[in-house]
Amino acid sequence: MTIANLVAVLKRRYDDPEEPFTSVEVDELTGRMGISRQQFFEAMAAEIAQAFDAGDVAFQSADEAINDLWSIALCNDEHWPPLLEEVYRAFDAGEYAGGENVDPIHAYTRPAISEIARRLTNGS
C-alpha cells in the first residue's frame, strides 16, 4: 500500500465521515510500510496537499483527514514534521469566514496549498 492509495481510501472514508482516522491505524500502516510515524505524517500531508491542489479531493475531505492526522500527532505528544503543521494551518484557514463576500477556502487555503504543492513538485 502506498501513501497515494491511502489518500484515495481517506477520500472515500471522508465522504461518509463516520470513521475518523485513528492512531491505531497509523501504527498498523507505518509497521506495514516500514516507515516512522513522522515519515507517515509528512507523506500524508504532502499527498493530501497535492491531491487537493489537483482537484482530486474536496476541501471537506482533505480538511477532515489533515485534522485527524494533526490530532493524532498532538494527542500522542509527537514531534510532527513541519509540513504536517503547514498543511494543517492552510486547511484550518479555510474553516473560518473571512468577512463579507470572502470565501476563506479560495482566499486562504487554495493559495497556501498551491504554494506547498509547487514546492513539493519542485523539490524545494
C-alpha atoms as a PDB file:
ATOM      1  CA  MET A   1       0.000   0.000   0.000  1.00  0.00           C
ATOM      2  CA  THR A   2       1.305   3.437  -0.913  1.00  0.00           C
ATOM      3  CA  ILE A   3       0.546   6.851   0.553  1.00  0.00           C
ATOM      4  CA  ALA A   4      -1.363   7.713  -2.658  1.00  0.00           C
ATOM      5  CA  ASN A   5      -3.576   4.634  -2.108  1.00  0.00           C
ATOM      6  CA  LEU A   6      -4.216   5.800   1.450  1.00  0.00           C
ATOM      7  CA  VAL A   7      -5.329   9.219   0.232  1.00  0.00           C
ATOM      8  CA  ALA A   8      -7.860   7.523  -2.075  1.00  0.00           C
ATOM      9  CA  VAL A   9      -9.130   5.468   0.862  1.00  0.00           C
ATOM     10  CA  LEU A  10      -9.365   8.582   3.007  1.00  0.00           C
ATOM     11  CA  LYS A  11     -11.336  10.417   0.335  1.00  0.00           C
ATOM     12  CA  ARG A  12     -13.889   7.623   0.249  1.00  0.00           C
ATOM     13  CA  ARG A  13     -13.933   7.456   4.033  1.00  0.00           C
ATOM     14  CA  TYR A  14     -14.484  11.178   4.484  1.00  0.00           C
ATOM     15  CA  ASP A  15     -17.334  11.216   2.011  1.00  0.00           C
ATOM     16  CA  ASP A  16     -19.008   9.364   4.914  1.00  0.00           C
ATOM     17  CA  PRO A  17     -17.296  10.852   8.000  1.00  0.00           C
ATOM     18  CA  GLU A  18     -18.364   8.136  10.416  1.00  0.00           C
ATOM     19  CA  GLU A  19     -14.883   6.604  10.612  1.00  0.00           C
ATOM     20  CA  PRO A  20     -12.142   9.052  11.582  1.00  0.00           C
ATOM     21  CA  PHE A  21      -8.535   8.121  11.008  1.00  0.00           C
ATOM     22  CA  THR A  22      -7.058   6.672  14.236  1.00  0.00           C
ATOM     23  CA  SER A  23      -3.694   6.361  15.952  1.00  0.00           C
ATOM     24  CA  VAL A  24      -4.038   2.563  15.856  1.00  0.00           C
ATOM     25  CA  GLU A  25      -4.330   2.740  12.055  1.00  0.00           C
ATOM     26  CA  VAL A  26      -1.220   4.916  11.885  1.00  0.00           C
ATOM     27  CA  ASP A  27       0.676   2.297  13.908  1.00  0.00           C
ATOM     28  CA  GLU A  28      -0.582  -0.540  11.707  1.00  0.00           C
ATOM     29  CA  LEU A  29       0.155   1.285   8.469  1.00  0.00           C
ATOM     30  CA  THR A  30       3.607   2.505   9.440  1.00  0.00           C
ATOM     31  CA  GLY A  31       4.505  -1.010  10.546  1.00  0.00           C
ATOM     32  CA  ARG A  32       3.278  -2.476   7.281  1.00  0.00           C
ATOM     33  CA  MET A  33       5.025   0.202   5.232  1.00  0.00           C
ATOM     34  CA  GLY A  34       8.252   0.138   7.257  1.00  0.00           C
ATOM     35  CA  ILE A  35       8.315   3.889   7.895  1.00  0.00           C
ATOM     36  CA  SER A  36       8.277   6.078  11.005  1.00  0.00           C
ATOM     37  CA  ARG A  37       5.173   7.909  12.159  1.00  0.00           C
ATOM     38  CA  GLN A  38       6.873  11.211  11.245  1.00  0.00           C
ATOM     39  CA  GLN A  39       7.577   9.942   7.721  1.00  0.00           C
ATOM     40  CA  PHE A  40       3.956   8.832   7.504  1.00  0.00           C
ATOM     41  CA  PHE A  41       2.627  12.226   8.657  1.00  0.00           C
ATOM     42  CA  GLU A  42       4.883  14.074   6.221  1.00  0.00           C
ATOM     43  CA  ALA A  43       3.985  11.824   3.286  1.00  0.00           C
ATOM     44  CA  MET A  44       0.257  12.023   4.053  1.00  0.00           C
ATOM     45  CA  ALA A  45       0.384  15.815   4.381  1.00  0.00           C
ATOM     46  CA  ALA A  46       2.180  16.042   1.023  1.00  0.00           C
ATOM     47  CA  GLU A  47      -0.286  13.717  -0.712  1.00  0.00           C
ATOM     48  CA  ILE A  48      -3.337  15.452   0.757  1.00  0.00           C
ATOM     49  CA  ALA A  49      -1.989  18.867  -0.302  1.00  0.00           C
ATOM     50  CA  GLN A  50      -1.183  17.678  -3.816  1.00  0.00           C
ATOM     51  CA  ALA A  51      -4.499  15.842  -4.215  1.00  0.00           C
ATOM     52  CA  PHE A  52      -6.439  18.927  -3.085  1.00  0.00           C
ATOM     53  CA  ASP A  53      -4.387  21.208  -5.326  1.00  0.00           C
ATOM     54  CA  ALA A  54      -5.076  18.916  -8.309  1.00  0.00           C
ATOM     55  CA  GLY A  55      -8.809  18.921  -7.552  1.00  0.00           C
ATOM     56  CA  ASP A  56      -8.828  15.205  -6.724  1.00  0.00           C
ATOM     57  CA  VAL A  57     -10.017  15.690  -3.129  1.00  0.00           C
ATOM     58  CA  ALA A  58     -12.697  18.111  -1.920  1.00  0.00           C
ATOM     59  CA  PHE A  59     -11.920  20.640   0.807  1.00  0.00           C
ATOM     60  CA  GLN A  60     -14.105  18.901   3.396  1.00  0.00           C
ATOM     61  CA  SER A  61     -12.434  15.520   2.867  1.00  0.00           C
ATOM     62  CA  ALA A  62      -8.910  16.925   2.888  1.00  0.00           C
ATOM     63  CA  ASP A  63      -9.632  19.152   5.886  1.00  0.00           C
ATOM     64  CA  GLU A  64     -11.047  16.297   7.946  1.00  0.00           C
ATOM     65  CA  ALA A  65      -8.159  13.987   7.037  1.00  0.00           C
ATOM     66  CA  ILE A  66      -5.486  16.533   7.945  1.00  0.00           C
ATOM     67  CA  ASN A  67      -7.365  17.447  11.153  1.00  0.00           C
ATOM     68  CA  ASP A  68      -7.364  13.783  12.186  1.00  0.00           C
ATOM     69  CA  LEU A  69      -3.651  13.402  11.471  1.00  0.00           C
ATOM     70  CA  TRP A  70      -2.877  16.609  13.347  1.00  0.00           C
ATOM     71  CA  SER A  71      -4.968  15.478  16.325  1.00  0.00           C
ATOM     72  CA  ILE A  72      -3.226  12.098  16.391  1.00  0.00           C
ATOM     73  CA  ALA A  73       0.188  13.772  16.412  1.00  0.00           C
ATOM     74  CA  LEU A  74      -0.852  16.206  19.169  1.00  0.00           C
ATOM     75  CA  CYS A  75      -2.569  13.613  21.359  1.00  0.00           C
ATOM     76  CA  ASN A  76       0.496  11.395  21.278  1.00  0.00           C
ATOM     77  CA  ASP A  77       2.771  14.367  22.046  1.00  0.00           C
ATOM     78  CA  GLU A  78       4.818  13.562  18.979  1.00  0.00           C
ATOM     79  CA  HIS A  79       7.349  15.583  17.087  1.00  0.00           C
ATOM     80  CA  TRP A  80       5.464  16.289  13.892  1.00  0.00           C
ATOM     81  CA  PRO A  81       7.127  17.307  10.663  1.00  0.00           C
ATOM     82  CA  PRO A  82       6.860  20.988   9.681  1.00  0.00           C
ATOM     83  CA  LEU A  83       4.962  20.033   6.505  1.00  0.00           C
ATOM     84  CA  LEU A  84       2.136  18.492   8.555  1.00  0.00           C
ATOM     85  CA  GLU A  85       1.732  21.729  10.501  1.00  0.00           C
ATOM     86  CA  GLU A  86       1.936  23.871   7.369  1.00  0.00           C
ATOM     87  CA  VAL A  87      -0.758  21.847   5.569  1.00  0.00           C
ATOM     88  CA  TYR A  88      -2.899  21.741   8.723  1.00  0.00           C
ATOM     89  CA  ARG A  89      -2.733  25.545   9.095  1.00  0.00           C
ATOM     90  CA  ALA A  90      -3.571  26.067   5.410  1.00  0.00           C
ATOM     91  CA  PHE A  91      -6.732  23.971   5.737  1.00  0.00           C
ATOM     92  CA  ASP A  92      -7.538  25.495   9.122  1.00  0.00           C
ATOM     93  CA  ALA A  93      -7.563  28.936   7.484  1.00  0.00           C
ATOM     94  CA  GLY A  94     -10.357  27.763   5.189  1.00  0.00           C
ATOM     95  CA  GLU A  95     -12.620  26.793   8.073  1.00  0.00           C
ATOM     96  CA  TYR A  96     -13.390  30.328   9.172  1.00  0.00           C
ATOM     97  CA  ALA A  97     -15.380  33.049   7.471  1.00  0.00           C
ATOM     98  CA  GLY A  98     -13.092  35.682   6.025  1.00  0.00           C
ATOM     99  CA  GLY A  99     -15.574  38.505   6.169  1.00  0.00           C
ATOM    100  CA  GLU A 100     -18.338  39.642   3.899  1.00  0.00           C
ATOM    101  CA  ASN A 101     -18.022  38.261   0.366  1.00  0.00           C
ATOM    102  CA  VAL A 102     -14.822  36.364   1.172  1.00  0.00           C
ATOM    103  CA  ASP A 103     -14.653  32.616   0.638  1.00  0.00           C
ATOM    104  CA  PRO A 104     -11.863  31.555   3.022  1.00  0.00           C
ATOM    105  CA  ILE A 105     -11.143  28.381   1.053  1.00  0.00           C
ATOM    106  CA  HIS A 106     -10.437  30.361  -2.115  1.00  0.00           C
ATOM    107  CA  ALA A 107      -8.861  33.317  -0.323  1.00  0.00           C
ATOM    108  CA  TYR A 108      -6.583  31.460   2.098  1.00  0.00           C
ATOM    109  CA  THR A 109      -6.472  27.684   1.695  1.00  0.00           C
ATOM    110  CA  ARG A 110      -6.124  27.333  -2.074  1.00  0.00           C
ATOM    111  CA  PRO A 111      -3.214  29.799  -2.431  1.00  0.00           C
ATOM    112  CA  ALA A 112      -1.353  28.285   0.537  1.00  0.00           C
ATOM    113  CA  ILE A 113      -1.868  24.711  -0.679  1.00  0.00           C
ATOM    114  CA  SER A 114      -0.912  25.659  -4.238  1.00  0.00           C
ATOM    115  CA  GLU A 115       2.349  27.100  -2.943  1.00  0.00           C
ATOM    116  CA  ILE A 116       3.027  23.951  -0.898  1.00  0.00           C
ATOM    117  CA  ALA A 117       2.248  21.742  -3.908  1.00  0.00           C
ATOM    118  CA  ARG A 118       4.515  23.874  -6.108  1.00  0.00           C
ATOM    119  CA  ARG A 119       7.391  23.487  -3.640  1.00  0.00           C
ATOM    120  CA  LEU A 120       6.812  19.740  -3.379  1.00  0.00           C
ATOM    121  CA  THR A 121       6.806  19.408  -7.174  1.00  0.00           C
ATOM    122  CA  ASN A 122       9.986  21.474  -7.487  1.00  0.00           C
ATOM    123  CA  GLY A 123      11.659  19.592  -4.647  1.00  0.00           C
ATOM    124  CA  SER A 124      12.307  22.683  -2.569  1.00  0.00           C
END
